[in-house]
Amino acid sequence: MPLDATYANMIINARLGTASFVPPVTPVLCRLMVVNGNATTLGTELATGGGYTSGTGAPAVTFASASSQSAANNTAVTITNMPACTVVGVEMWDSSGSPRRLEWVALTASKTCNSGDTFELTTGELTSAQT
């Protein structure tokens, strides 16, 4: 997943000693996007409805420890009773009082849900990598 530009700049500044690094507050939340953003522009999150709660109520996701500059989710993200929608991407946000977007990614294939469907991102489907 590409890093959010603001978060990437924070990491670089900390690495170069020009600013302190503020680690993300856990849990990391997986927000579902109906319109993708990019490194500098937020996507449009699926509105709260059915079994999905947007914003700070989005489902938590955990990642395995990094190896070879990469880490994948080690738990599935499962949401039952989805509203009718098409999920085109996800964004990872921290849980701080002023949540920060950490990473974003377009799904390889959009996932269309009918009202009441179950949406799932399987274990290993999300990869955070430094290249």
N, C-alpha and C. Protein backbone atom coordinates (compact mmCIF):
# COMPACT_ATOMS: atom_id res chain seq x y z
N MET A 1 0.84 -1.17 0.00
CA MET A 1 0.00 0.00 0.00
C MET A 1 0.89 1.23 0.00
N PRO A 2 0.57 2.20 -0.81
CA PRO A 2 1.34 3.45 -0.79
C PRO A 2 1.08 4.23 0.49
N LEU A 3 2.09 4.93 0.95
CA LEU A 3 1.94 5.76 2.13
C LEU A 3 1.21 7.06 1.80
N ASP A 4 0.42 7.54 2.75
CA ASP A 4 -0.12 8.89 2.66
C ASP A 4 1.05 9.86 2.64
N ALA A 5 1.00 10.89 1.83
CA ALA A 5 2.12 11.82 1.66
C ALA A 5 2.52 12.49 2.97
N THR A 6 1.55 12.92 3.76
CA THR A 6 1.87 13.58 5.03
C THR A 6 2.57 12.62 5.98
N TYR A 7 2.08 11.38 6.03
CA TYR A 7 2.70 10.37 6.89
C TYR A 7 4.11 10.02 6.39
N ALA A 8 4.27 9.90 5.09
CA ALA A 8 5.59 9.60 4.51
C ALA A 8 6.58 10.71 4.85
N ASN A 9 6.14 11.97 4.76
CA ASN A 9 7.03 13.10 5.10
C ASN A 9 7.43 13.04 6.57
N MET A 10 6.51 12.65 7.46
CA MET A 10 6.82 12.54 8.88
C MET A 10 7.90 11.49 9.10
N ILE A 11 7.79 10.36 8.41
CA ILE A 11 8.79 9.30 8.54
C ILE A 11 10.15 9.78 8.06
N ILE A 12 10.18 10.43 6.90
CA ILE A 12 11.45 10.93 6.35
C ILE A 12 12.07 11.96 7.29
N ASN A 13 11.27 12.89 7.78
CA ASN A 13 11.80 13.92 8.68
C ASN A 13 12.37 13.30 9.95
N ALA A 14 11.71 12.29 10.49
CA ALA A 14 12.22 11.62 11.69
C ALA A 14 13.52 10.88 11.37
N ARG A 15 13.55 10.24 10.23
CA ARG A 15 14.75 9.49 9.82
C ARG A 15 15.95 10.41 9.65
N LEU A 16 15.70 11.62 9.18
CA LEU A 16 16.79 12.58 8.94
C LEU A 16 17.06 13.48 10.14
N GLY A 17 16.29 13.30 11.21
CA GLY A 17 16.53 14.05 12.43
C GLY A 17 15.98 15.47 12.42
N THR A 18 15.09 15.80 11.50
CA THR A 18 14.55 17.16 11.45
C THR A 18 13.23 17.29 12.21
N ALA A 19 12.68 16.17 12.68
CA ALA A 19 11.43 16.19 13.46
C ALA A 19 11.31 14.87 14.21
N SER A 20 10.48 14.87 15.24
CA SER A 20 10.23 13.65 15.99
C SER A 20 9.14 12.84 15.30
N PHE A 21 9.26 11.53 15.43
CA PHE A 21 8.25 10.65 14.86
C PHE A 21 7.16 10.42 15.90
N VAL A 22 5.92 10.57 15.49
CA VAL A 22 4.78 10.28 16.35
C VAL A 22 4.16 8.98 15.85
N PRO A 23 4.31 7.88 16.59
CA PRO A 23 3.81 6.61 16.10
C PRO A 23 2.29 6.59 16.01
N PRO A 24 1.75 5.77 15.13
CA PRO A 24 0.30 5.64 15.02
C PRO A 24 -0.30 5.11 16.32
N VAL A 25 -1.49 5.54 16.61
CA VAL A 25 -2.24 5.02 17.75
C VAL A 25 -3.04 3.82 17.25
N THR A 26 -2.88 2.70 17.95
CA THR A 26 -3.62 1.50 17.58
C THR A 26 -4.95 1.47 18.29
N PRO A 27 -5.91 0.74 17.77
CA PRO A 27 -5.79 -0.12 16.60
C PRO A 27 -5.80 0.68 15.30
N VAL A 28 -5.20 0.09 14.28
CA VAL A 28 -5.26 0.65 12.93
C VAL A 28 -6.62 0.25 12.35
N LEU A 29 -7.29 1.23 11.75
CA LEU A 29 -8.63 1.00 11.21
C LEU A 29 -8.59 0.89 9.70
N CYS A 30 -9.40 -0.01 9.17
CA CYS A 30 -9.49 -0.24 7.74
C CYS A 30 -10.79 0.41 7.24
N ARG A 31 -10.67 1.56 6.60
CA ARG A 31 -11.83 2.26 6.08
C ARG A 31 -12.06 1.85 4.62
N LEU A 32 -13.29 1.58 4.28
CA LEU A 32 -13.64 1.15 2.93
C LEU A 32 -13.97 2.36 2.06
N MET A 33 -13.41 2.38 0.85
CA MET A 33 -13.58 3.52 -0.05
C MET A 33 -14.49 3.16 -1.23
N VAL A 34 -15.37 4.10 -1.56
CA VAL A 34 -16.21 3.95 -2.75
C VAL A 34 -15.66 4.79 -3.90
N VAL A 35 -14.76 5.72 -3.59
CA VAL A 35 -13.99 6.48 -4.58
C VAL A 35 -12.57 6.54 -4.02
N ASN A 36 -11.59 6.15 -4.83
CA ASN A 36 -10.20 6.16 -4.37
C ASN A 36 -9.61 7.57 -4.42
N GLY A 37 -8.74 7.80 -3.45
CA GLY A 37 -7.94 9.02 -3.45
C GLY A 37 -6.57 8.71 -4.02
N ASN A 38 -5.59 9.48 -3.58
CA ASN A 38 -4.20 9.24 -3.96
C ASN A 38 -3.33 9.63 -2.78
N ALA A 39 -2.03 9.79 -2.96
CA ALA A 39 -1.13 10.06 -1.85
C ALA A 39 -1.47 11.35 -1.10
N THR A 40 -2.04 12.32 -1.80
CA THR A 40 -2.32 13.61 -1.17
C THR A 40 -3.80 13.92 -1.00
N THR A 41 -4.67 13.12 -1.59
CA THR A 41 -6.11 13.37 -1.53
C THR A 41 -6.83 12.17 -0.95
N LEU A 42 -7.66 12.40 0.06
CA LEU A 42 -8.41 11.30 0.67
C LEU A 42 -9.42 10.75 -0.31
N GLY A 43 -9.71 9.46 -0.19
CA GLY A 43 -10.78 8.85 -0.95
C GLY A 43 -12.11 9.19 -0.31
N THR A 44 -13.19 8.71 -0.91
CA THR A 44 -14.53 8.88 -0.35
C THR A 44 -14.90 7.59 0.36
N GLU A 45 -15.09 7.69 1.66
CA GLU A 45 -15.39 6.50 2.46
C GLU A 45 -16.86 6.11 2.32
N LEU A 46 -17.10 4.82 2.36
CA LEU A 46 -18.44 4.28 2.40
C LEU A 46 -19.15 4.87 3.62
N ALA A 47 -20.35 5.37 3.43
CA ALA A 47 -21.12 5.94 4.54
C ALA A 47 -21.57 4.84 5.49
N THR A 48 -21.76 5.22 6.74
CA THR A 48 -22.30 4.28 7.72
C THR A 48 -23.64 3.74 7.25
N GLY A 49 -23.79 2.43 7.35
CA GLY A 49 -25.04 1.80 6.95
C GLY A 49 -24.92 0.30 7.06
N GLY A 50 -26.02 -0.36 7.35
CA GLY A 50 -25.97 -1.81 7.52
C GLY A 50 -24.99 -2.14 8.63
N GLY A 51 -24.06 -3.03 8.37
CA GLY A 51 -23.07 -3.45 9.35
C GLY A 51 -21.78 -2.65 9.32
N TYR A 52 -21.70 -1.61 8.47
CA TYR A 52 -20.46 -0.82 8.36
C TYR A 52 -20.62 0.51 9.09
N THR A 53 -19.63 0.84 9.90
CA THR A 53 -19.58 2.15 10.56
C THR A 53 -18.37 2.87 10.03
N SER A 54 -18.58 4.05 9.50
CA SER A 54 -17.48 4.81 8.90
C SER A 54 -16.66 5.53 9.98
N GLY A 55 -15.56 6.12 9.56
CA GLY A 55 -14.71 6.91 10.45
C GLY A 55 -14.09 6.09 11.55
N THR A 56 -14.18 6.61 12.77
CA THR A 56 -13.52 5.96 13.89
C THR A 56 -14.19 4.64 14.30
N GLY A 57 -15.31 4.30 13.69
CA GLY A 57 -15.97 3.02 13.95
C GLY A 57 -15.61 1.94 12.94
N ALA A 58 -14.74 2.28 11.98
CA ALA A 58 -14.34 1.32 10.95
C ALA A 58 -13.65 0.11 11.61
N PRO A 59 -13.66 -1.03 10.94
CA PRO A 59 -13.07 -2.23 11.54
C PRO A 59 -11.56 -2.12 11.73
N ALA A 60 -11.09 -2.70 12.83
CA ALA A 60 -9.66 -2.73 13.11
C ALA A 60 -9.02 -3.84 12.30
N VAL A 61 -7.73 -3.65 12.00
CA VAL A 61 -6.98 -4.68 11.29
C VAL A 61 -5.60 -4.76 11.93
N THR A 62 -5.07 -5.97 12.03
CA THR A 62 -3.73 -6.16 12.58
C THR A 62 -2.82 -6.72 11.49
N PHE A 63 -1.55 -6.42 11.63
CA PHE A 63 -0.54 -6.86 10.67
C PHE A 63 0.52 -7.68 11.38
N ALA A 64 1.07 -8.65 10.68
CA ALA A 64 2.20 -9.43 11.18
C ALA A 64 3.43 -8.53 11.22
N SER A 65 4.44 -8.92 11.97
CA SER A 65 5.69 -8.17 11.98
C SER A 65 6.30 -8.18 10.59
N ALA A 66 6.93 -7.09 10.24
CA ALA A 66 7.52 -6.95 8.91
C ALA A 66 8.70 -7.90 8.72
N SER A 67 8.83 -8.36 7.49
CA SER A 67 9.94 -9.18 7.05
C SER A 67 10.20 -8.82 5.60
N SER A 68 11.46 -8.65 5.23
CA SER A 68 11.81 -8.28 3.85
C SER A 68 11.08 -7.01 3.41
N GLN A 69 10.98 -6.03 4.31
CA GLN A 69 10.40 -4.71 4.04
C GLN A 69 8.92 -4.77 3.70
N SER A 70 8.21 -5.76 4.25
CA SER A 70 6.80 -5.91 3.94
C SER A 70 6.08 -6.60 5.10
N ALA A 71 4.81 -6.25 5.27
CA ALA A 71 3.98 -6.90 6.29
C ALA A 71 2.57 -7.03 5.74
N ALA A 72 1.92 -8.16 6.02
CA ALA A 72 0.56 -8.40 5.55
C ALA A 72 -0.38 -8.52 6.74
N ASN A 73 -1.67 -8.24 6.48
CA ASN A 73 -2.64 -8.40 7.56
C ASN A 73 -2.69 -9.86 8.00
N ASN A 74 -2.70 -10.06 9.32
CA ASN A 74 -2.73 -11.42 9.84
C ASN A 74 -4.10 -11.79 10.41
N THR A 75 -5.07 -10.93 10.17
CA THR A 75 -6.47 -11.24 10.48
C THR A 75 -7.31 -10.77 9.30
N ALA A 76 -8.39 -11.45 9.06
CA ALA A 76 -9.31 -11.03 8.01
C ALA A 76 -10.11 -9.83 8.50
N VAL A 77 -10.54 -9.01 7.56
CA VAL A 77 -11.47 -7.92 7.85
C VAL A 77 -12.81 -8.40 7.30
N THR A 78 -13.76 -8.64 8.19
CA THR A 78 -15.06 -9.17 7.79
C THR A 78 -16.16 -8.25 8.30
N ILE A 79 -17.04 -7.84 7.41
CA ILE A 79 -18.17 -6.98 7.77
C ILE A 79 -19.43 -7.66 7.25
N THR A 80 -20.34 -7.98 8.17
CA THR A 80 -21.60 -8.59 7.78
C THR A 80 -22.66 -7.51 7.59
N ASN A 81 -23.71 -7.86 6.90
CA ASN A 81 -24.84 -6.96 6.68
C ASN A 81 -24.42 -5.65 6.02
N MET A 82 -23.64 -5.76 4.95
CA MET A 82 -23.17 -4.57 4.23
C MET A 82 -24.33 -3.84 3.57
N PRO A 83 -24.18 -2.51 3.42
CA PRO A 83 -25.13 -1.78 2.58
C PRO A 83 -24.79 -2.06 1.11
N ALA A 84 -25.72 -1.80 0.21
CA ALA A 84 -25.43 -1.94 -1.22
C ALA A 84 -24.37 -0.92 -1.60
N CYS A 85 -23.28 -1.40 -2.21
CA CYS A 85 -22.18 -0.50 -2.57
C CYS A 85 -21.17 -1.24 -3.43
N THR A 86 -20.21 -0.48 -3.95
CA THR A 86 -19.05 -1.08 -4.61
C THR A 86 -17.82 -0.51 -3.92
N VAL A 87 -17.05 -1.38 -3.28
CA VAL A 87 -15.83 -0.98 -2.59
C VAL A 87 -14.70 -1.03 -3.61
N VAL A 88 -14.00 0.09 -3.79
CA VAL A 88 -12.94 0.17 -4.80
C VAL A 88 -11.55 0.25 -4.17
N GLY A 89 -11.47 0.54 -2.86
CA GLY A 89 -10.18 0.65 -2.21
C GLY A 89 -10.32 0.69 -0.71
N VAL A 90 -9.19 0.72 -0.03
CA VAL A 90 -9.17 0.83 1.43
C VAL A 90 -8.12 1.86 1.84
N GLU A 91 -8.34 2.42 2.99
CA GLU A 91 -7.36 3.32 3.60
C GLU A 91 -7.14 2.86 5.04
N MET A 92 -5.89 2.88 5.48
CA MET A 92 -5.54 2.54 6.85
C MET A 92 -5.39 3.85 7.63
N TRP A 93 -6.10 3.94 8.75
CA TRP A 93 -6.08 5.13 9.61
C TRP A 93 -5.70 4.72 11.02
N ASP A 94 -5.03 5.61 11.75
CA ASP A 94 -4.77 5.32 13.15
C ASP A 94 -5.98 5.73 13.98
N SER A 95 -5.92 5.48 15.28
CA SER A 95 -7.05 5.74 16.18
C SER A 95 -6.81 6.92 17.11
N SER A 96 -5.95 7.84 16.72
CA SER A 96 -5.67 8.99 17.58
C SER A 96 -6.90 9.90 17.66
N GLY A 97 -6.88 10.85 18.58
CA GLY A 97 -7.97 11.80 18.73
C GLY A 97 -8.23 12.58 17.45
N SER A 98 -7.17 12.83 16.70
CA SER A 98 -7.27 13.41 15.35
C SER A 98 -6.71 12.36 14.40
N PRO A 99 -7.54 11.41 13.96
CA PRO A 99 -7.04 10.27 13.18
C PRO A 99 -6.21 10.70 11.97
N ARG A 100 -5.15 9.92 11.73
CA ARG A 100 -4.25 10.18 10.61
C ARG A 100 -4.34 9.03 9.61
N ARG A 101 -4.43 9.39 8.33
CA ARG A 101 -4.38 8.37 7.28
C ARG A 101 -2.93 7.94 7.13
N LEU A 102 -2.71 6.64 7.16
CA LEU A 102 -1.37 6.08 7.08
C LEU A 102 -1.06 5.58 5.67
N GLU A 103 -1.97 4.82 5.10
CA GLU A 103 -1.76 4.21 3.79
C GLU A 103 -3.09 4.13 3.05
N TRP A 104 -3.01 3.92 1.77
CA TRP A 104 -4.21 3.80 0.93
C TRP A 104 -3.89 2.85 -0.22
N VAL A 105 -4.91 2.23 -0.77
CA VAL A 105 -4.68 1.36 -1.93
C VAL A 105 -6.00 1.10 -2.66
N ALA A 106 -5.92 1.06 -3.96
CA ALA A 106 -7.05 0.62 -4.77
C ALA A 106 -7.06 -0.90 -4.76
N LEU A 107 -8.23 -1.50 -4.66
CA LEU A 107 -8.32 -2.95 -4.74
C LEU A 107 -7.99 -3.40 -6.16
N THR A 108 -7.39 -4.57 -6.28
CA THR A 108 -7.09 -5.13 -7.59
C THR A 108 -8.37 -5.28 -8.40
N ALA A 109 -9.42 -5.71 -7.73
CA ALA A 109 -10.74 -5.82 -8.35
C ALA A 109 -11.76 -5.25 -7.38
N SER A 110 -12.60 -4.36 -7.85
CA SER A 110 -13.66 -3.80 -7.00
C SER A 110 -14.54 -4.93 -6.47
N LYS A 111 -15.13 -4.71 -5.30
CA LYS A 111 -16.01 -5.71 -4.70
C LYS A 111 -17.40 -5.09 -4.56
N THR A 112 -18.35 -5.62 -5.32
CA THR A 112 -19.72 -5.13 -5.27
C THR A 112 -20.50 -5.92 -4.23
N CYS A 113 -21.19 -5.18 -3.35
CA CYS A 113 -21.99 -5.80 -2.29
C CYS A 113 -23.45 -5.43 -2.48
N ASN A 114 -24.31 -6.40 -2.34
CA ASN A 114 -25.75 -6.16 -2.26
C ASN A 114 -26.09 -5.95 -0.80
N SER A 115 -27.19 -5.30 -0.53
CA SER A 115 -27.62 -5.08 0.84
C SER A 115 -27.70 -6.42 1.58
N GLY A 116 -27.04 -6.49 2.73
CA GLY A 116 -27.05 -7.71 3.53
C GLY A 116 -25.88 -8.64 3.28
N ASP A 117 -25.08 -8.40 2.24
CA ASP A 117 -23.92 -9.25 1.94
C ASP A 117 -22.86 -9.15 3.03
N THR A 118 -21.93 -10.10 3.00
CA THR A 118 -20.74 -10.06 3.84
C THR A 118 -19.57 -9.63 2.97
N PHE A 119 -18.80 -8.65 3.46
CA PHE A 119 -17.60 -8.17 2.77
C PHE A 119 -16.41 -8.70 3.53
N GLU A 120 -15.40 -9.21 2.80
CA GLU A 120 -14.21 -9.70 3.48
C GLU A 120 -12.95 -9.38 2.71
N LEU A 121 -11.94 -8.94 3.46
CA LEU A 121 -10.57 -8.87 2.96
C LEU A 121 -9.85 -9.99 3.70
N THR A 122 -9.41 -10.98 2.97
CA THR A 122 -8.84 -12.17 3.59
C THR A 122 -7.48 -11.89 4.22
N THR A 123 -7.07 -12.79 5.09
CA THR A 123 -5.75 -12.71 5.69
C THR A 123 -4.71 -12.67 4.57
N GLY A 124 -3.78 -11.72 4.65
CA GLY A 124 -2.72 -11.59 3.64
C GLY A 124 -3.11 -10.76 2.44
N GLU A 125 -4.35 -10.30 2.35
CA GLU A 125 -4.79 -9.53 1.18
C GLU A 125 -4.27 -8.09 1.18
N LEU A 126 -3.99 -7.55 2.37
CA LEU A 126 -3.46 -6.19 2.47
C LEU A 126 -1.97 -6.27 2.80
N THR A 127 -1.15 -5.59 2.03
CA THR A 127 0.30 -5.62 2.25
C THR A 127 0.84 -4.21 2.39
N SER A 128 1.52 -3.99 3.49
CA SER A 128 2.20 -2.73 3.72
C SER A 128 3.68 -2.97 3.39
N ALA A 129 4.22 -2.18 2.48
CA ALA A 129 5.60 -2.44 2.05
C ALA A 129 6.39 -1.13 1.89
N GLN A 130 7.66 -1.23 2.11
CA GLN A 130 8.60 -0.12 1.88
C GLN A 130 9.50 -0.54 0.75
N THR A 131 9.45 0.20 -0.34
CA THR A 131 10.31 -0.16 -1.48
C THR A 131 11.26 0.95 -1.82
